[in-house]
Amino acid sequence: MISTGGVSVGDKDQVIQYLREHTRLLFWRIDMHPGKAMAAATKNNVPILALSGNPGAALTSWFLVVLPYLASLFGARLPVRQFSGRLRHPFGKPTRETRYLRARIVVENGEAFLDARLPQGSDIITPYRQADAFAVIPQGSPRLPEYTMLNALVIPGLGPERLHWEPNEQSR
């Protein structure tokens, strides 16, 4: 079962309370942003994934956690397409948890750049129309200057096929 909403810490977040009282809670909250408000539980051998009620956070959790989990239920693995790319602009926020910035892959002279100048709010999904990767900012990172080299993950189904580009060995 997959649900969205009700797993944060507000007065109206009743799903987490239900999971605590009536299921075997496997985890609550995950060290990522967006998508921190997430829970996993089981009841009568039925897996339950409860995602954030913020649509941007829920979609990030969908791509990074739910899709790989669903694939594993069927004995499959989603290939994780990783590469390194340079941030096209400074990122001005220090971060406590690992951040997954929605980004656009820009290729110049065979080198990958990550343009994350898209809206990054947890409450919006429109950036996914332009994003094809997550720029991964490690936990505890300070502000990052332009051209910082980052690891990145291709978003399944939204990847760089439009660019007719594949990460090469130097990009990984």
Protein backbone atom coordinates (compact mmCIF):
# COMPACT_ATOMS: atom_id res chain seq x y z
CA MET A 1 0.00 0.00 0.00
CA ILE A 2 1.30 3.45 -0.84
CA SER A 3 -0.14 6.63 0.64
CA THR A 4 0.75 10.30 0.68
CA GLY A 5 0.30 12.77 3.49
CA GLY A 6 -0.06 12.55 7.23
CA VAL A 7 3.48 11.41 8.09
CA SER A 8 5.11 14.61 9.30
CA VAL A 9 4.83 16.13 12.78
CA GLY A 10 1.79 18.42 12.50
CA ASP A 11 -1.53 18.14 14.34
CA LYS A 12 -3.21 16.75 11.23
CA ASP A 13 -0.54 14.13 10.55
CA GLN A 14 -2.55 11.12 11.70
CA VAL A 15 -1.06 8.44 9.43
CA ILE A 16 2.14 8.17 11.44
CA GLN A 17 0.14 7.78 14.66
CA TYR A 18 -1.90 4.98 13.07
CA LEU A 19 1.25 3.25 11.85
CA ARG A 20 2.81 3.45 15.31
CA GLU A 21 -0.24 1.95 16.99
CA HIS A 22 -1.45 -0.64 14.47
CA THR A 23 1.49 -1.82 12.35
CA ARG A 24 5.07 -2.93 12.62
CA LEU A 25 6.77 0.39 11.93
CA LEU A 26 10.06 -0.19 10.10
CA PHE A 27 11.18 3.42 9.92
CA TRP A 28 9.87 6.94 10.15
CA ARG A 29 11.72 9.86 8.61
CA ILE A 30 14.60 9.46 6.25
CA ASP A 31 17.75 11.55 5.99
CA MET A 32 16.99 13.25 2.69
CA HIS A 33 15.52 16.50 1.47
CA PRO A 34 12.99 16.74 0.00
CA GLY A 35 11.18 13.62 1.20
CA LYS A 36 12.27 13.43 4.84
CA ALA A 37 8.69 12.77 5.98
CA MET A 38 8.34 9.14 4.94
CA ALA A 39 7.48 5.92 6.76
CA ALA A 40 7.57 2.22 6.02
CA ALA A 41 5.61 -0.42 7.90
CA THR A 42 3.99 -3.81 7.50
CA LYS A 43 0.63 -5.13 8.60
CA ASN A 44 -0.40 -8.75 7.98
CA ASN A 45 2.64 -9.10 5.69
CA VAL A 46 1.45 -6.19 3.54
CA PRO A 47 4.10 -3.51 2.98
CA ILE A 48 3.02 0.06 3.62
CA LEU A 49 4.91 3.07 2.29
CA ALA A 50 3.68 6.44 3.52
CA LEU A 51 5.11 9.40 1.63
CA SER A 52 5.05 13.12 2.33
CA GLY A 53 1.92 15.06 1.51
CA ASN A 54 4.03 17.65 -0.28
CA PRO A 55 3.88 16.63 -3.94
CA GLY A 56 7.49 17.51 -4.80
CA ALA A 57 8.77 15.58 -1.79
CA ALA A 58 6.48 12.62 -2.53
CA LEU A 59 7.68 12.46 -6.13
CA THR A 60 11.32 12.58 -5.05
CA SER A 61 10.65 9.68 -2.65
CA TRP A 62 8.83 7.87 -5.46
CA PHE A 63 11.86 7.99 -7.73
CA LEU A 64 14.55 7.33 -5.10
CA VAL A 65 12.82 4.82 -2.80
CA VAL A 66 9.48 3.50 -4.06
CA LEU A 67 10.38 2.60 -7.67
CA PRO A 68 13.49 0.61 -6.66
CA TYR A 69 11.49 -1.14 -3.93
CA LEU A 70 8.64 -2.06 -6.30
CA ALA A 71 11.14 -3.39 -8.84
CA SER A 72 12.72 -5.55 -6.13
CA LEU A 73 9.32 -7.09 -5.32
CA PHE A 74 9.31 -8.50 -8.85
CA GLY A 75 12.91 -9.67 -8.73
CA ALA A 76 14.10 -6.81 -10.89
CA ARG A 77 16.57 -4.02 -10.28
CA LEU A 78 16.28 -0.54 -11.60
CA PRO A 79 19.67 0.44 -12.94
CA VAL A 80 20.98 3.44 -11.05
CA ARG A 81 22.51 5.72 -13.62
CA GLN A 82 25.07 7.82 -11.80
CA PHE A 83 27.53 10.34 -13.11
CA SER A 84 29.49 13.37 -11.96
CA GLY A 85 28.71 16.84 -13.16
CA ARG A 86 29.66 20.40 -12.32
CA LEU A 87 27.12 22.66 -10.69
CA ARG A 88 26.34 25.51 -13.10
CA HIS A 89 25.77 28.02 -10.31
CA PRO A 90 26.46 28.45 -6.60
CA PHE A 91 24.18 26.72 -4.11
CA GLY A 92 23.75 29.07 -1.17
CA LYS A 93 22.37 26.85 1.58
CA PRO A 94 24.34 24.69 3.98
CA THR A 95 22.53 21.37 4.40
CA ARG A 96 22.08 19.02 7.34
CA GLU A 97 20.66 16.11 5.37
CA THR A 98 21.49 14.80 1.92
CA ARG A 99 19.76 17.02 -0.62
CA TYR A 100 18.48 15.91 -3.98
CA LEU A 101 18.21 18.99 -6.17
CA ARG A 102 16.09 18.62 -9.26
CA ALA A 103 18.43 19.54 -12.06
CA ARG A 104 18.78 19.68 -15.79
CA ILE A 105 21.74 17.99 -17.43
CA VAL A 106 23.56 20.33 -19.78
CA VAL A 107 26.34 18.87 -21.91
CA GLU A 108 29.07 21.14 -23.25
CA ASN A 109 32.03 19.68 -25.14
CA GLY A 110 31.23 16.25 -23.71
CA GLU A 111 31.26 17.46 -20.09
CA ALA A 112 28.15 17.25 -17.92
CA PHE A 113 26.92 20.27 -16.01
CA LEU A 114 24.01 20.35 -13.58
CA ASP A 115 21.65 23.30 -13.75
CA ALA A 116 19.56 23.24 -10.58
CA ARG A 117 18.12 26.72 -11.00
CA LEU A 118 14.66 25.18 -10.93
CA PRO A 119 12.16 25.72 -8.12
CA GLN A 120 13.21 23.32 -5.34
CA GLY A 121 10.22 23.60 -3.00
CA SER A 122 8.82 20.39 -1.54
CA ASP A 123 5.33 21.57 -2.39
CA ILE A 124 5.70 21.75 -6.18
CA ILE A 125 6.16 19.22 -8.97
CA THR A 126 6.44 21.49 -12.01
CA PRO A 127 10.29 21.34 -11.96
CA TYR A 128 10.01 17.69 -13.00
CA ARG A 129 8.91 18.89 -16.44
CA GLN A 130 12.44 20.22 -16.94
CA ALA A 131 14.53 18.05 -14.60
CA ASP A 132 16.26 14.89 -15.77
CA ALA A 133 18.62 14.33 -12.83
CA PHE A 134 19.05 14.76 -9.11
CA ALA A 135 22.18 16.70 -8.15
CA VAL A 136 23.23 15.09 -4.87
CA ILE A 137 24.49 17.46 -2.20
CA PRO A 138 26.06 15.43 0.62
CA GLN A 139 24.88 15.70 4.20
CA GLY A 140 26.65 18.46 6.11
CA SER A 141 27.75 20.38 3.01
CA PRO A 142 28.44 24.11 3.30
CA ARG A 143 27.43 26.60 0.64
CA LEU A 144 28.76 25.38 -2.69
CA PRO A 145 30.49 27.57 -5.27
CA GLU A 146 29.80 27.44 -8.99
CA TYR A 147 31.47 24.50 -10.78
CA THR A 148 31.50 22.29 -7.68
CA MET A 149 31.73 18.67 -8.85
CA LEU A 150 28.74 16.67 -7.61
CA ASN A 151 27.45 13.16 -7.98
CA ALA A 152 24.16 12.98 -9.80
CA LEU A 153 21.44 10.41 -10.43
CA VAL A 154 19.46 10.24 -13.64
CA ILE A 155 15.73 10.38 -12.89
CA PRO A 156 14.20 7.14 -14.24
CA GLY A 157 12.18 7.83 -17.37
CA LEU A 158 13.23 11.49 -17.52
CA GLY A 159 16.90 10.96 -18.27
CA PRO A 160 19.33 12.38 -20.80
CA GLU A 161 17.97 10.44 -23.76
CA ARG A 162 16.67 13.76 -25.03
CA LEU A 163 20.30 14.88 -25.24
CA HIS A 164 21.45 11.77 -27.11
CA TRP A 165 24.11 11.56 -24.40
CA GLU A 166 25.16 8.83 -22.02
CA PRO A 167 27.52 9.32 -19.10
CA ASN A 168 30.92 7.98 -20.11
CA GLU A 169 33.46 6.36 -17.82
CA GLN A 170 34.98 9.76 -17.01
CA SER A 171 31.56 11.11 -16.02
CA ARG A 172 30.75 8.29 -13.59
